[in-house]
């Protein structure tokens, strides 16, 4: 991104409504590695819901998309991500496929303040965001 390029807005939606959700904490960690200010989930939903009625006209159509997830078990997000990926296939979205970010045993990877502390996950998260940024810039 150059100095004259405004930062892009990337909607992010947590799969949980709980304020202490590990998925929400993972999205907060992702915000630390982007050029944008925290947004409100309602704004993200509003942005995603402003398309026309046909599936081919939905906002994520042909847009870059990244999927990541956190689960306190060893499998939760691993099982959910392929199903979500199929949703984005239907909208012909440009899904980032690597690196995959599956934060397993998520309760062990955040400190008491909700900060992501696992270095491997931080590296994967930065890689995922870099790949998303690359796809986004290629479309500009």
Protein backbone atom coordinates (compact mmCIF):
# COMPACT_ATOMS: atom_id res chain seq x y z
CA UNK A 1 0.00 0.00 0.00
CA UNK A 2 1.37 3.42 -0.91
CA UNK A 3 1.02 6.54 1.20
CA UNK A 4 -1.65 7.91 -1.15
CA UNK A 5 -3.75 4.73 -1.10
CA UNK A 6 -6.48 4.83 1.53
CA UNK A 7 -6.70 1.78 3.79
CA UNK A 8 -9.21 -0.80 2.64
CA UNK A 9 -12.15 -1.88 4.71
CA UNK A 10 -12.42 -5.61 5.26
CA UNK A 11 -15.63 -6.89 6.84
CA UNK A 12 -14.98 -9.57 9.44
CA UNK A 13 -17.67 -11.66 11.07
CA UNK A 14 -17.24 -13.76 14.17
CA UNK A 15 -19.18 -16.99 14.31
CA UNK A 16 -20.10 -16.34 17.94
CA UNK A 17 -22.18 -13.79 19.81
CA UNK A 18 -20.31 -14.19 23.12
CA UNK A 19 -18.15 -11.19 24.06
CA UNK A 20 -15.41 -13.56 25.26
CA UNK A 21 -15.55 -15.78 22.17
CA UNK A 22 -12.19 -17.09 20.99
CA UNK A 23 -13.29 -16.44 17.39
CA UNK A 24 -13.90 -12.79 18.27
CA UNK A 25 -10.55 -12.63 20.06
CA UNK A 26 -8.88 -14.10 16.97
CA UNK A 27 -10.45 -11.36 14.81
CA UNK A 28 -9.21 -8.74 17.28
CA UNK A 29 -5.72 -10.24 16.95
CA UNK A 30 -6.04 -10.00 13.15
CA UNK A 31 -6.85 -6.29 13.45
CA UNK A 32 -3.40 -5.75 14.96
CA UNK A 33 -1.83 -6.87 11.69
CA UNK A 34 -3.94 -4.75 9.24
CA UNK A 35 -4.23 -1.01 8.30
CA UNK A 36 -7.77 -0.58 9.51
CA UNK A 37 -9.56 0.51 12.70
CA UNK A 38 -11.84 -1.94 14.50
CA UNK A 39 -15.32 -2.00 13.03
CA UNK A 40 -18.62 -3.08 14.41
CA UNK A 41 -20.10 -6.41 13.33
CA UNK A 42 -23.35 -4.67 12.35
CA UNK A 43 -21.49 -2.59 9.77
CA UNK A 44 -19.99 -5.75 8.31
CA UNK A 45 -23.41 -7.38 8.08
CA UNK A 46 -24.87 -4.23 6.54
CA UNK A 47 -22.15 -4.20 3.90
CA UNK A 48 -22.70 -7.87 3.08
CA UNK A 49 -26.46 -7.52 2.85
CA UNK A 50 -26.63 -4.69 0.30
CA UNK A 51 -26.51 -6.80 -2.86
CA UNK A 52 -29.25 -7.37 -5.38
CA UNK A 53 -31.44 -10.48 -5.18
CA UNK A 54 -29.59 -12.83 -7.53
CA UNK A 55 -26.79 -14.96 -6.06
CA UNK A 56 -24.41 -13.73 -8.75
CA UNK A 57 -24.94 -10.17 -7.50
CA UNK A 58 -24.17 -10.75 -3.81
CA UNK A 59 -21.42 -8.47 -2.46
CA UNK A 60 -18.78 -11.20 -1.96
CA UNK A 61 -19.11 -12.17 -5.65
CA UNK A 62 -15.55 -12.50 -6.98
CA UNK A 63 -14.16 -10.73 -3.90
CA UNK A 64 -11.15 -11.99 -1.93
CA UNK A 65 -12.18 -13.87 1.22
CA UNK A 66 -10.16 -15.38 4.07
CA UNK A 67 -11.49 -17.93 6.54
CA UNK A 68 -10.08 -18.55 10.00
CA UNK A 69 -11.47 -20.01 13.17
CA UNK A 70 -10.91 -20.86 16.80
CA UNK A 71 -12.30 -23.73 18.85
CA UNK A 72 -11.63 -25.04 22.35
CA UNK A 73 -11.59 -28.59 20.97
CA UNK A 74 -9.26 -30.29 18.52
CA UNK A 75 -11.77 -30.29 15.64
CA UNK A 76 -14.43 -27.54 15.80
CA UNK A 77 -13.07 -25.09 13.26
CA UNK A 78 -11.52 -27.85 11.13
CA UNK A 79 -15.01 -29.18 10.45
CA UNK A 80 -16.67 -25.77 10.05
CA UNK A 81 -14.23 -24.20 7.59
CA UNK A 82 -14.89 -26.54 4.62
CA UNK A 83 -18.63 -25.90 4.97
CA UNK A 84 -18.07 -22.14 5.02
CA UNK A 85 -15.70 -22.41 2.07
CA UNK A 86 -18.54 -24.05 0.10
CA UNK A 87 -20.76 -21.03 0.83
CA UNK A 88 -18.15 -18.77 -0.73
CA UNK A 89 -17.76 -21.10 -3.72
CA UNK A 90 -21.45 -20.44 -4.44
CA UNK A 91 -20.76 -16.69 -4.62
CA UNK A 92 -17.68 -17.31 -6.80
CA UNK A 93 -15.52 -15.63 -4.16
CA UNK A 94 -11.74 -15.68 -4.41
CA UNK A 95 -10.99 -17.68 -1.24
CA UNK A 96 -7.49 -17.63 0.23
CA UNK A 97 -6.68 -21.33 0.64
CA UNK A 98 -3.27 -21.14 2.33
CA UNK A 99 -2.26 -20.80 5.00
CA UNK A 100 -5.19 -22.34 6.81
CA UNK A 101 -5.73 -20.92 10.30
CA UNK A 102 -7.34 -23.46 12.62
CA UNK A 103 -6.82 -22.30 16.19
CA UNK A 104 -7.32 -25.53 18.11
CA UNK A 105 -7.46 -25.64 21.92
CA UNK A 106 -8.00 -21.90 21.65
CA UNK A 107 -8.41 -21.37 25.39
CA UNK A 108 -4.68 -22.11 25.72
CA UNK A 109 -3.60 -19.52 23.12
CA UNK A 110 -4.85 -16.26 24.63
CA UNK A 111 -3.72 -14.47 27.77
CA UNK A 112 -6.09 -13.19 30.46
CA UNK A 113 -6.58 -9.93 28.51
CA UNK A 114 -7.61 -11.77 25.32
CA UNK A 115 -4.32 -11.23 23.48
CA UNK A 116 -3.15 -13.97 21.14
CA UNK A 117 0.10 -15.36 22.57
CA UNK A 118 0.83 -18.39 20.38
CA UNK A 119 3.71 -17.50 18.03
CA UNK A 120 2.86 -20.17 15.44
CA UNK A 121 -0.72 -18.90 15.21
CA UNK A 122 0.50 -15.31 14.95
CA UNK A 123 2.74 -16.28 12.01
CA UNK A 124 -0.10 -18.17 10.29
CA UNK A 125 -2.46 -15.25 10.87
CA UNK A 126 0.04 -12.80 9.40
CA UNK A 127 0.50 -15.12 6.40
CA UNK A 128 -3.25 -15.37 5.85
CA UNK A 129 -3.68 -11.60 6.05
CA UNK A 130 -0.73 -11.12 3.68
CA UNK A 131 -2.31 -13.51 1.15
CA UNK A 132 -5.65 -11.68 1.49
CA UNK A 133 -3.91 -8.34 1.00
CA UNK A 134 -2.14 -9.67 -2.11
CA UNK A 135 -5.44 -10.86 -3.62
CA UNK A 136 -7.11 -7.54 -2.76
CA UNK A 137 -4.31 -5.46 -4.28
CA UNK A 138 -4.33 -7.60 -7.44
CA UNK A 139 -7.99 -6.64 -7.95
CA UNK A 140 -7.35 -2.91 -7.50
